[in-house]
C-alpha atoms as a PDB file:
ATOM      1  CA  MET A   1     -77.017  98.657  99.442  1.00  0.00           C
ATOM      2  CA  ALA A   2     -80.799  98.233  99.172  1.00  0.00           C
ATOM      3  CA  LEU A   3     -82.220  95.645  96.775  1.00  0.00           C
ATOM      4  CA  VAL A   4     -83.783  98.316  94.553  1.00  0.00           C
ATOM      5  CA  ASP A   5     -80.354  99.895  94.031  1.00  0.00           C
ATOM      6  CA  ARG A   6     -78.830  96.540  93.086  1.00  0.00           C
ATOM      7  CA  LEU A   7     -81.589  95.850  90.554  1.00  0.00           C
ATOM      8  CA  LYS A   8     -81.603  99.269  88.898  1.00  0.00           C
ATOM      9  CA  PRO A   9     -78.427  98.793  86.769  1.00  0.00           C
ATOM     10  CA  ILE A  10     -79.723  95.513  85.302  1.00  0.00           C
ATOM     11  CA  THR A  11     -83.352  96.573  84.762  1.00  0.00           C
ATOM     12  CA  PRO A  12     -84.168  98.059  81.323  1.00  0.00           C
ATOM     13  CA  LYS A  13     -85.125 101.740  81.422  1.00  0.00           C
ATOM     14  CA  SER A  14     -88.261 101.063  79.396  1.00  0.00           C
ATOM     15  CA  PHE A  15     -89.472  98.550  82.000  1.00  0.00           C
ATOM     16  CA  ARG A  16     -88.731 100.931  84.873  1.00  0.00           C
ATOM     17  CA  ARG A  17     -90.590 103.691  83.035  1.00  0.00           C
ATOM     18  CA  THR A  18     -93.630 101.459  82.489  1.00  0.00           C
ATOM     19  CA  ILE A  19     -93.781 100.488  86.158  1.00  0.00           C
ATOM     20  CA  ARG A  20     -93.355 104.094  87.252  1.00  0.00           C
ATOM     21  CA  THR A  21     -96.159 105.274  84.943  1.00  0.00           C
ATOM     22  CA  ALA A  22     -98.528 102.565  86.204  1.00  0.00           C
ATOM     23  CA  ARG A  23     -97.806 103.419  89.832  1.00  0.00           C
ATOM     24  CA  MET A  24     -98.397 107.122  89.196  1.00  0.00           C
ATOM     25  CA  ARG A  25    -101.738 106.480  87.503  1.00  0.00           C
ATOM     26  CA  ALA A  26    -102.909 104.412  90.463  1.00  0.00           C
ATOM     27  CA  ARG A  27    -101.694 106.977  92.995  1.00  0.00           C
ATOM     28  CA  GLN A  28    -103.236 109.960  91.183  1.00  0.00           C
ATOM     29  CA  SER A  29    -106.669 108.465  91.723  1.00  0.00           C
ATOM     30  CA  THR A  30    -106.349 109.042  95.500  1.00  0.00           C
ATOM     31  CA  PRO A  31    -105.007 112.602  96.010  1.00  0.00           C
ATOM     32  CA  ALA A  32    -107.333 113.395  98.926  1.00  0.00           C
ATOM     33  CA  ALA A  33    -105.959 110.396 100.843  1.00  0.00           C
ATOM     34  CA  ARG A  34    -102.324 111.524 100.609  1.00  0.00           C
ATOM     35  CA  VAL A  35    -100.092 113.906 102.561  1.00  0.00           C
ATOM     36  CA  LEU A  36     -97.910 116.762 101.356  1.00  0.00           C
ATOM     37  CA  PRO A  37     -94.197 116.794 102.291  1.00  0.00           C
ATOM     38  CA  ASP A  38     -93.075 118.202 105.621  1.00  0.00           C
ATOM     39  CA  PHE A  39     -89.584 119.098 104.438  1.00  0.00           C
ATOM     40  CA  LEU A  40     -87.574 119.437 101.242  1.00  0.00           C
ATOM     41  CA  VAL A  41     -83.942 118.811 100.411  1.00  0.00           C
ATOM     42  CA  LEU A  42     -83.384 121.878  98.226  1.00  0.00           C
ATOM     43  CA  GLY A  43     -79.971 121.167  96.768  1.00  0.00           C
ATOM     44  CA  ALA A  44     -77.549 122.062  95.529  1.00  0.00           C
ATOM     45  CA  GLN A  45     -76.921 119.907  92.480  1.00  0.00           C
ATOM     46  CA  ARG A  46     -73.778 117.713  92.627  1.00  0.00           C
ATOM     47  CA  CYS A  47     -73.656 118.134  96.410  1.00  0.00           C
ATOM     48  CA  GLY A  48     -74.691 114.715  97.688  1.00  0.00           C
ATOM     49  CA  THR A  49     -78.474 115.021  97.568  1.00  0.00           C
ATOM     50  CA  SER A  50     -78.881 111.544  96.026  1.00  0.00           C
ATOM     51  CA  SER A  51     -77.050 109.983  98.943  1.00  0.00           C
ATOM     52  CA  LEU A  52     -78.919 112.039 101.519  1.00  0.00           C
ATOM     53  CA  TYR A  53     -82.243 111.061  99.930  1.00  0.00           C
ATOM     54  CA  LYS A  54     -81.324 107.399 100.448  1.00  0.00           C
ATOM     55  CA  TYR A  55     -80.090 107.912 104.019  1.00  0.00           C
ATOM     56  CA  LEU A  56     -83.182 109.826 105.108  1.00  0.00           C
ATOM     57  CA  GLY A  57     -85.566 107.496 103.306  1.00  0.00           C
ATOM     58  CA  ARG A  58     -84.390 104.585 105.458  1.00  0.00           C
ATOM     59  CA  HIS A  59     -85.370 106.257 108.728  1.00  0.00           C
ATOM     60  CA  PRO A  60     -88.432 104.460 110.175  1.00  0.00           C
ATOM     61  CA  GLN A  61     -90.200 107.784 110.698  1.00  0.00           C
ATOM     62  CA  ILE A  62     -89.456 109.320 107.306  1.00  0.00           C
ATOM     63  CA  ALA A  63     -91.343 108.577 104.086  1.00  0.00           C
ATOM     64  CA  PRO A  64     -89.470 109.474 100.874  1.00  0.00           C
ATOM     65  CA  SER A  65     -91.232 110.588  97.697  1.00  0.00           C
ATOM     66  CA  LEU A  66     -91.931 107.993  95.011  1.00  0.00           C
ATOM     67  CA  ARG A  67     -88.881 109.256  93.158  1.00  0.00           C
ATOM     68  CA  LYS A  68     -86.118 111.515  94.376  1.00  0.00           C
ATOM     69  CA  GLU A  69     -86.395 114.538  92.074  1.00  0.00           C
ATOM     70  CA  VAL A  70     -90.094 115.270  91.797  1.00  0.00           C
ATOM     71  CA  GLY A  71     -89.459 118.723  90.327  1.00  0.00           C
ATOM     72  CA  TYR A  72     -93.000 119.986  90.864  1.00  0.00           C
ATOM     73  CA  PHE A  73     -91.938 123.512  91.866  1.00  0.00           C
ATOM     74  CA  SER A  74     -89.468 123.844  88.976  1.00  0.00           C
ATOM     75  CA  ALA A  75     -89.662 121.752  85.791  1.00  0.00           C
ATOM     76  CA  SER A  76     -93.119 120.241  86.398  1.00  0.00           C
ATOM     77  CA  TYR A  77     -95.104 123.161  87.772  1.00  0.00           C
ATOM     78  CA  GLY A  78     -97.580 122.778  84.926  1.00  0.00           C
ATOM     79  CA  GLU A  79     -98.800 119.524  86.486  1.00  0.00           C
ATOM     80  CA  ASP A  80    -101.891 119.430  88.692  1.00  0.00           C
ATOM     81  CA  VAL A  81    -101.359 119.266  92.460  1.00  0.00           C
ATOM     82  CA  SER A  82    -102.876 115.762  92.395  1.00  0.00           C
ATOM     83  CA  TRP A  83     -99.812 114.726  90.380  1.00  0.00           C
ATOM     84  CA  TYR A  84     -97.583 116.071  93.142  1.00  0.00           C
ATOM     85  CA  LEU A  85     -99.570 114.387  95.901  1.00  0.00           C
ATOM     86  CA  ALA A  86     -99.270 111.062  94.074  1.00  0.00           C
ATOM     87  CA  HIS A  87     -95.583 110.998  95.036  1.00  0.00           C
ATOM     88  CA  PHE A  88     -96.288 110.847  98.775  1.00  0.00           C
ATOM     89  CA  PRO A  89     -97.727 108.331 101.263  1.00  0.00           C
ATOM     90  CA  VAL A  90    -101.358 107.935 102.263  1.00  0.00           C
ATOM     91  CA  ALA A  91    -102.495 109.817 105.344  1.00  0.00           C
ATOM     92  CA  ILE A  92    -103.599 106.658 107.124  1.00  0.00           C
ATOM     93  CA  ARG A  93     -99.970 105.584 107.353  1.00  0.00           C
ATOM     94  CA  ARG A  94     -99.203 108.746 109.319  1.00  0.00           C
ATOM     95  CA  GLN A  95    -102.291 108.268 111.484  1.00  0.00           C
ATOM     96  CA  LEU A  96    -101.246 104.725 112.382  1.00  0.00           C
ATOM     97  CA  MET A  97     -97.784 105.980 113.378  1.00  0.00           C
ATOM     98  CA  GLN A  98     -99.340 108.682 115.550  1.00  0.00           C
ATOM     99  CA  ARG A  99    -101.421 106.093 117.389  1.00  0.00           C
ATOM    100  CA  VAL A 100     -98.230 104.500 118.691  1.00  0.00           C
ATOM    101  CA  GLY A 101     -96.682 107.870 119.538  1.00  0.00           C
ATOM    102  CA  HIS A 102     -94.464 108.394 116.502  1.00  0.00           C
ATOM    103  CA  GLN A 103     -94.238 111.044 113.810  1.00  0.00           C
ATOM    104  CA  LEU A 104     -94.072 110.280 110.103  1.00  0.00           C
ATOM    105  CA  LEU A 105     -92.476 112.975 107.983  1.00  0.00           C
ATOM    106  CA  ALA A 106     -92.689 112.977 104.194  1.00  0.00           C
ATOM    107  CA  PHE A 107     -90.076 114.619 101.964  1.00  0.00           C
ATOM    108  CA  GLU A 108     -88.586 114.929  98.501  1.00  0.00           C
ATOM    109  CA  ALA A 109     -85.213 116.118  97.179  1.00  0.00           C
ATOM    110  CA  THR A 110     -85.020 118.260  94.024  1.00  0.00           C
ATOM    111  CA  PRO A 111     -81.705 120.152  93.647  1.00  0.00           C
ATOM    112  CA  ASP A 112     -83.190 122.511  91.036  1.00  0.00           C
ATOM    113  CA  TYR A 113     -85.431 124.107  93.664  1.00  0.00           C
ATOM    114  CA  LEU A 114     -82.572 126.049  95.246  1.00  0.00           C
ATOM    115  CA  LEU A 115     -81.718 127.664  91.908  1.00  0.00           C
ATOM    116  CA  HIS A 116     -85.163 128.232  90.384  1.00  0.00           C
ATOM    117  CA  PRO A 117     -86.189 131.899  90.858  1.00  0.00           C
ATOM    118  CA  LEU A 118     -89.906 131.120  91.279  1.00  0.00           C
ATOM    119  CA  ALA A 119     -89.630 127.995  93.431  1.00  0.00           C
ATOM    120  CA  PRO A 120     -89.682 129.804  96.815  1.00  0.00           C
ATOM    121  CA  VAL A 121     -93.017 131.556  96.253  1.00  0.00           C
ATOM    122  CA  ARG A 122     -94.510 128.388  94.748  1.00  0.00           C
ATOM    123  CA  VAL A 123     -93.449 126.351  97.774  1.00  0.00           C
ATOM    124  CA  LYS A 124     -94.727 129.048 100.135  1.00  0.00           C
ATOM    125  CA  THR A 125     -98.169 128.790  98.553  1.00  0.00           C
ATOM    126  CA  LEU A 126     -98.490 125.014  98.926  1.00  0.00           C
ATOM    127  CA  LEU A 127     -96.141 124.201 101.833  1.00  0.00           C
ATOM    128  CA  PRO A 128     -96.116 127.260 104.143  1.00  0.00           C
ATOM    129  CA  ASP A 129     -94.849 125.275 107.154  1.00  0.00           C
ATOM    130  CA  ALA A 130     -92.092 123.307 105.417  1.00  0.00           C
ATOM    131  CA  LYS A 131     -88.503 122.943 106.610  1.00  0.00           C
ATOM    132  CA  PHE A 132     -85.486 122.829 104.307  1.00  0.00           C
ATOM    133  CA  VAL A 133     -82.189 120.938 104.282  1.00  0.00           C
ATOM    134  CA  VAL A 134     -79.507 122.460 102.045  1.00  0.00           C
ATOM    135  CA  LEU A 135     -76.283 120.669 101.077  1.00  0.00           C
ATOM    136  CA  LEU A 136     -73.493 122.820  99.645  1.00  0.00           C
ATOM    137  CA  ARG A 137     -69.932 122.207  98.489  1.00  0.00           C
ATOM    138  CA  ASP A 138     -66.991 124.228  97.223  1.00  0.00           C
ATOM    139  CA  PRO A 139     -68.639 126.144  94.326  1.00  0.00           C
ATOM    140  CA  VAL A 140     -65.573 125.695  92.114  1.00  0.00           C
ATOM    141  CA  GLU A 141     -65.561 121.928  92.599  1.00  0.00           C
ATOM    142  CA  ARG A 142     -69.334 121.863  92.204  1.00  0.00           C
ATOM    143  CA  ALA A 143     -69.190 123.736  88.891  1.00  0.00           C
ATOM    144  CA  PHE A 144     -66.602 121.365  87.440  1.00  0.00           C
ATOM    145  CA  SER A 145     -68.459 118.292  88.705  1.00  0.00           C
ATOM    146  CA  HIS A 146     -71.637 119.665  87.120  1.00  0.00           C
ATOM    147  CA  TYR A 147     -69.783 120.169  83.836  1.00  0.00           C
ATOM    148  CA  LEU A 148     -68.403 116.600  83.881  1.00  0.00           C
ATOM    149  CA  HIS A 149     -71.885 115.289  84.641  1.00  0.00           C
ATOM    150  CA  MET A 150     -73.381 117.099  81.634  1.00  0.00           C
ATOM    151  CA  HIS A 151     -70.504 115.899  79.443  1.00  0.00           C
ATOM    152  CA  ARG A 152     -71.028 112.317  80.598  1.00  0.00           C
ATOM    153  CA  LEU A 153     -74.740 112.532  79.777  1.00  0.00           C
ATOM    154  CA  GLY A 154     -73.993 113.854  76.292  1.00  0.00           C
ATOM    155  CA  PHE A 155     -75.397 117.361  76.833  1.00  0.00           C
ATOM    156  CA  GLU A 156     -72.059 119.203  76.799  1.00  0.00           C
ATOM    157  CA  ALA A 157     -69.460 119.230  74.010  1.00  0.00           C
ATOM    158  CA  ARG A 158     -67.607 122.431  74.890  1.00  0.00           C
ATOM    159  CA  THR A 159     -64.523 122.687  77.050  1.00  0.00           C
ATOM    160  CA  PHE A 160     -65.148 123.730  80.642  1.00  0.00           C
ATOM    161  CA  GLU A 161     -63.597 127.133  80.004  1.00  0.00           C
ATOM    162  CA  GLU A 162     -65.762 127.701  76.918  1.00  0.00           C
ATOM    163  CA  ALA A 163     -68.879 126.671  78.836  1.00  0.00           C
ATOM    164  CA  ILE A 164     -68.373 129.027  81.757  1.00  0.00           C
ATOM    165  CA  GLU A 165     -67.329 131.940  79.525  1.00  0.00           C
ATOM    166  CA  SER A 166     -70.600 131.723  77.581  1.00  0.00           C
ATOM    167  CA  GLU A 167     -72.863 130.680  80.471  1.00  0.00           C
ATOM    168  CA  SER A 168     -74.824 133.934  80.733  1.00  0.00           C
ATOM    169  CA  GLU A 169     -75.607 133.910  77.031  1.00  0.00           C
ATOM    170  CA  THR A 170     -76.451 130.184  77.059  1.00  0.00           C
ATOM    171  CA  ILE A 171     -79.072 130.405  79.809  1.00  0.00           C
ATOM    172  CA  ALA A 172     -80.460 133.932  79.231  1.00  0.00           C
ATOM    173  CA  ALA A 173     -83.446 133.029  77.018  1.00  0.00           C
ATOM    174  CA  ASP A 174     -84.487 130.125  79.200  1.00  0.00           C
ATOM    175  CA  LEU A 175     -84.239 132.235  82.352  1.00  0.00           C
ATOM    176  CA  ALA A 176     -86.449 134.913  80.801  1.00  0.00           C
ATOM    177  CA  GLN A 177     -89.038 132.354  79.676  1.00  0.00           C
ATOM    178  CA  ILE A 178     -89.454 131.105  83.257  1.00  0.00           C
ATOM    179  CA  HIS A 179     -91.207 134.366  84.115  1.00  0.00           C
ATOM    180  CA  LEU A 180     -93.453 134.261  81.050  1.00  0.00           C
ATOM    181  CA  ASP A 181     -94.679 130.662  81.028  1.00  0.00           C
ATOM    182  CA  VAL A 182     -95.794 128.979  84.281  1.00  0.00           C
ATOM    183  CA  GLY A 183     -95.310 125.491  82.856  1.00  0.00           C
ATOM    184  CA  HIS A 184     -91.957 126.179  81.184  1.00  0.00           C
ATOM    185  CA  ASN A 185     -89.304 123.516  81.794  1.00  0.00           C
ATOM    186  CA  PRO A 186     -86.012 125.474  81.726  1.00  0.00           C
ATOM    187  CA  LYS A 187     -83.750 122.665  80.554  1.00  0.00           C
ATOM    188  CA  ARG A 188     -80.871 124.845  79.343  1.00  0.00           C
ATOM    189  CA  PHE A 189     -80.981 126.907  82.517  1.00  0.00           C
ATOM    190  CA  HIS A 190     -80.792 123.773  84.664  1.00  0.00           C
ATOM    191  CA  ARG A 191     -78.176 122.005  82.546  1.00  0.00           C
ATOM    192  CA  TYR A 192     -75.705 124.811  81.949  1.00  0.00           C
ATOM    193  CA  SER A 193     -75.897 126.966  85.103  1.00  0.00           C
ATOM    194  CA  TYR A 194     -72.400 125.949  86.190  1.00  0.00           C
ATOM    195  CA  LEU A 195     -71.542 129.210  87.943  1.00  0.00           C
ATOM    196  CA  ALA A 196     -75.048 130.471  88.777  1.00  0.00           C
ATOM    197  CA  ARG A 197     -75.689 127.441  90.991  1.00  0.00           C
ATOM    198  CA  GLY A 198     -72.563 128.191  93.015  1.00  0.00           C
ATOM    199  CA  ARG A 199     -73.647 131.671  94.071  1.00  0.00           C
ATOM    200  CA  TYR A 200     -75.391 130.148  97.053  1.00  0.00           C
ATOM    201  CA  VAL A 201     -76.009 133.305  99.050  1.00  0.00           C
ATOM    202  CA  GLU A 202     -78.173 134.825  96.286  1.00  0.00           C
ATOM    203  CA  GLN A 203     -80.340 131.712  96.143  1.00  0.00           C
ATOM    204  CA  LEU A 204     -80.698 131.352  99.906  1.00  0.00           C
ATOM    205  CA  GLU A 205     -81.555 135.027 100.359  1.00  0.00           C
ATOM    206  CA  ARG A 206     -84.338 134.578  97.819  1.00  0.00           C
ATOM    207  CA  TRP A 207     -85.703 131.618  99.806  1.00  0.00           C
ATOM    208  CA  MET A 208     -85.367 133.444 103.115  1.00  0.00           C
ATOM    209  CA  GLY A 209     -87.453 136.241 101.685  1.00  0.00           C
ATOM    210  CA  HIS A 210     -90.383 133.828 101.982  1.00  0.00           C
ATOM    211  CA  PHE A 211     -89.436 131.614 104.943  1.00  0.00           C
ATOM    212  CA  PRO A 212     -87.728 132.384 108.287  1.00  0.00           C
ATOM    213  CA  ARG A 213     -84.044 131.540 108.682  1.00  0.00           C
ATOM    214  CA  SER A 214     -84.914 128.987 111.388  1.00  0.00           C
ATOM    215  CA  ARG A 215     -86.531 126.739 108.751  1.00  0.00           C
ATOM    216  CA  PHE A 216     -83.185 126.099 107.022  1.00  0.00           C
ATOM    217  CA  LEU A 217     -80.366 123.723 107.908  1.00  0.00           C
ATOM    218  CA  ILE A 218     -77.334 124.591 105.767  1.00  0.00           C
ATOM    219  CA  LEU A 219     -74.628 121.914 105.608  1.00  0.00           C
ATOM    220  CA  ASP A 220     -71.269 121.254 103.999  1.00  0.00           C
ATOM    221  CA  SER A 221     -71.704 118.169 101.813  1.00  0.00           C
ATOM    222  CA  ALA A 222     -68.098 117.130 102.463  1.00  0.00           C
ATOM    223  CA  LYS A 223     -69.072 116.490 106.092  1.00  0.00           C
ATOM    224  CA  LEU A 224     -71.913 114.263 104.962  1.00  0.00           C
ATOM    225  CA  TYR A 225     -69.272 111.891 103.570  1.00  0.00           C
ATOM    226  CA  SER A 226     -66.429 112.443 106.046  1.00  0.00           C
ATOM    227  CA  GLU A 227     -68.635 112.472 109.162  1.00  0.00           C
ATOM    228  CA  PRO A 228     -71.915 110.854 108.021  1.00  0.00           C
ATOM    229  CA  ARG A 229     -73.155 109.768 111.444  1.00  0.00           C
ATOM    230  CA  THR A 230     -72.617 113.190 113.027  1.00  0.00           C
ATOM    231  CA  THR A 231     -74.175 115.010 110.078  1.00  0.00           C
ATOM    232  CA  TYR A 232     -77.119 112.612 109.963  1.00  0.00           C
ATOM    233  CA  GLN A 233     -77.874 113.175 113.649  1.00  0.00           C
ATOM    234  CA  GLU A 234     -77.700 116.944 113.118  1.00  0.00           C
ATOM    235  CA  ILE A 235     -80.361 116.639 110.425  1.00  0.00           C
ATOM    236  CA  LEU A 236     -82.581 114.479 112.630  1.00  0.00           C
ATOM    237  CA  ARG A 237     -82.354 117.017 115.472  1.00  0.00           C
ATOM    238  CA  PHE A 238     -83.347 119.762 113.025  1.00  0.00           C
ATOM    239  CA  LEU A 239     -86.352 117.674 111.964  1.00  0.00           C
ATOM    240  CA  GLU A 240     -87.158 116.914 115.623  1.00  0.00           C
ATOM    241  CA  LEU A 241     -86.866 113.184 115.086  1.00  0.00           C
ATOM    242  CA  PRO A 242     -85.273 110.607 117.412  1.00  0.00           C
ATOM    243  CA  ALA A 243     -81.690 109.509 116.842  1.00  0.00           C
ATOM    244  CA  TRP A 244     -81.284 106.612 114.429  1.00  0.00           C
ATOM    245  CA  VAL A 245     -78.497 105.353 112.167  1.00  0.00           C
ATOM    246  CA  PRO A 246     -78.892 103.565 108.803  1.00  0.00           C
ATOM    247  CA  GLY A 247     -76.965 100.370 108.176  1.00  0.00           C
ATOM    248  CA  GLU A 248     -74.483 102.006 105.836  1.00  0.00           C
ATOM    249  CA  PHE A 249     -73.534 105.341 104.285  1.00  0.00           C
ATOM    250  CA  SER A 250     -72.651 104.497 100.678  1.00  0.00           C
ATOM    251  CA  ASN A 251     -72.150 107.127  97.998  1.00  0.00           C
ATOM    252  CA  HIS A 252     -75.263 106.905  95.799  1.00  0.00           C
ATOM    253  CA  SER A 253     -74.297 109.575  93.272  1.00  0.00           C
ATOM    254  CA  TYR A 254     -73.357 107.072  90.579  1.00  0.00           C
ATOM    255  CA  VAL A 255     -75.526 104.022  91.271  1.00  0.00           C
ATOM    256  CA  GLY A 256     -75.864 102.156  87.984  1.00  0.00           C
ATOM    257  CA  THR A 257     -73.513 104.436  86.058  1.00  0.00           C
ATOM    258  CA  PRO A 258     -69.738 104.804  86.033  1.00  0.00           C
ATOM    259  CA  ALA A 259     -68.291 107.728  87.927  1.00  0.00           C
ATOM    260  CA  PRO A 260     -66.592 110.297  85.700  1.00  0.00           C
ATOM    261  CA  SER A 261     -62.897 109.835  85.100  1.00  0.00           C
ATOM    262  CA  ALA A 262     -60.485 111.804  87.211  1.00  0.00           C
ATOM    263  CA  THR A 263     -60.293 114.696  84.750  1.00  0.00           C
ATOM    264  CA  ALA A 264     -58.550 117.622  86.349  1.00  0.00           C
ATOM    265  CA  MET A 265     -59.532 121.255  86.107  1.00  0.00           C
ATOM    266  CA  GLU A 266     -56.795 123.600  84.926  1.00  0.00           C
ATOM    267  CA  PRO A 267     -55.347 125.294  88.037  1.00  0.00           C
ATOM    268  CA  ARG A 268     -55.547 128.678  86.320  1.00  0.00           C
ATOM    269  CA  VAL A 269     -59.289 128.289  85.759  1.00  0.00           C
ATOM    270  CA  GLY A 270     -59.838 127.052  89.303  1.00  0.00           C
ATOM    271  CA  GLN A 271     -58.026 130.054  90.759  1.00  0.00           C
ATOM    272  CA  LEU A 272     -60.020 132.443  88.577  1.00  0.00           C
ATOM    273  CA  LEU A 273     -63.302 130.934  89.703  1.00  0.00           C
ATOM    274  CA  ALA A 274     -62.251 130.948  93.362  1.00  0.00           C
ATOM    275  CA  GLU A 275     -61.688 134.697  93.055  1.00  0.00           C
ATOM    276  CA  GLN A 276     -65.049 135.177  91.316  1.00  0.00           C
ATOM    277  CA  PHE A 277     -66.883 133.297  94.062  1.00  0.00           C
ATOM    278  CA  GLY A 278     -65.005 135.084  96.867  1.00  0.00           C
ATOM    279  CA  GLU A 279     -67.589 137.745  97.703  1.00  0.00           C
ATOM    280  CA  ALA A 280     -70.521 135.314  97.450  1.00  0.00           C
ATOM    281  CA  ASN A 281     -68.704 132.876  99.754  1.00  0.00           C
ATOM    282  CA  GLN A 282     -68.210 135.576 102.367  1.00  0.00           C
ATOM    283  CA  GLY A 283     -71.903 136.409 102.188  1.00  0.00           C
ATOM    284  CA  LEU A 284     -72.807 132.751 102.555  1.00  0.00           C
ATOM    285  CA  ALA A 285     -70.729 132.396 105.729  1.00  0.00           C
ATOM    286  CA  ALA A 286     -72.484 135.407 107.254  1.00  0.00           C
ATOM    287  CA  LEU A 287     -75.926 134.146 106.251  1.00  0.00           C
ATOM    288  CA  ALA A 288     -75.340 130.559 107.385  1.00  0.00           C
ATOM    289  CA  GLY A 289     -73.696 131.557 110.649  1.00  0.00           C
ATOM    290  CA  ARG A 290     -70.884 129.088 109.980  1.00  0.00           C
ATOM    291  CA  ASP A 291     -67.733 129.074 107.889  1.00  0.00           C
ATOM    292  CA  PHE A 292     -67.023 126.576 105.150  1.00  0.00           C
ATOM    293  CA  PRO A 293     -63.654 125.009 104.230  1.00  0.00           C
ATOM    294  CA  TRP A 294     -63.590 126.533 100.758  1.00  0.00           C
ATOM    295  CA  ASN A 295     -63.898 130.028 102.262  1.00  0.00           C
ATOM    296  CA  ARG A 296     -60.583 129.915 104.092  1.00  0.00           C
END
């Protein structure tokens, strides 16, 4: 585990926030000297994007964003583009790499981008040549993991069944406001979209309405953990980077915080959701050109 990950649990949040603010102020003064990202990890939430961000960020030819979830094309679209550029490396770093015959790709990983209805057109405007890595998992497991995550953070007091039964009503106003206010941060939509996030085919079709299918690498997050080396090399080939392997493949989903307890979903609810996701899962397999374990 990297030193920064070891220090995070014992460093006060207020101190980390102060350092982050100071770094951003300094970086925002040099937007013209910085590069935009070459690829994005789109999501989905609770699908291993935190771990993948760490794995990719260690590659000698990949430069991660200042923080993992920049959120510019979703929650922070009201910010100036100079704010977004401040999260990425200076161009001279890329130029120095090119002089010795190497690429340097910049990226960020914001799981909300896959879900946000306006993110694709916003990305198309600023990053027309970008590539996209998408991690997905069983939508039933993802929904329950999402629910446990919100409960652990103190945002959810309902039972899982209550939450999914009232999801449409819970997120409706926030979803409507997205289309009315460019700078709106749809917190309720992002926090409580347990089922909406699992209808992957709808989200990917929206993205592919703006970018060609060849720009997307769609992966099963379970393989990232069960076969990390193979999956990592597949991503590098997609990005047209040379083979390389990080020192370790730890799970970074709960660095600094305890993992949720092994609370089990009621089998009846799981079966109901599996049936609800059935048609969307079939569409996903056709769109991705590969089957997924949860679709069998």
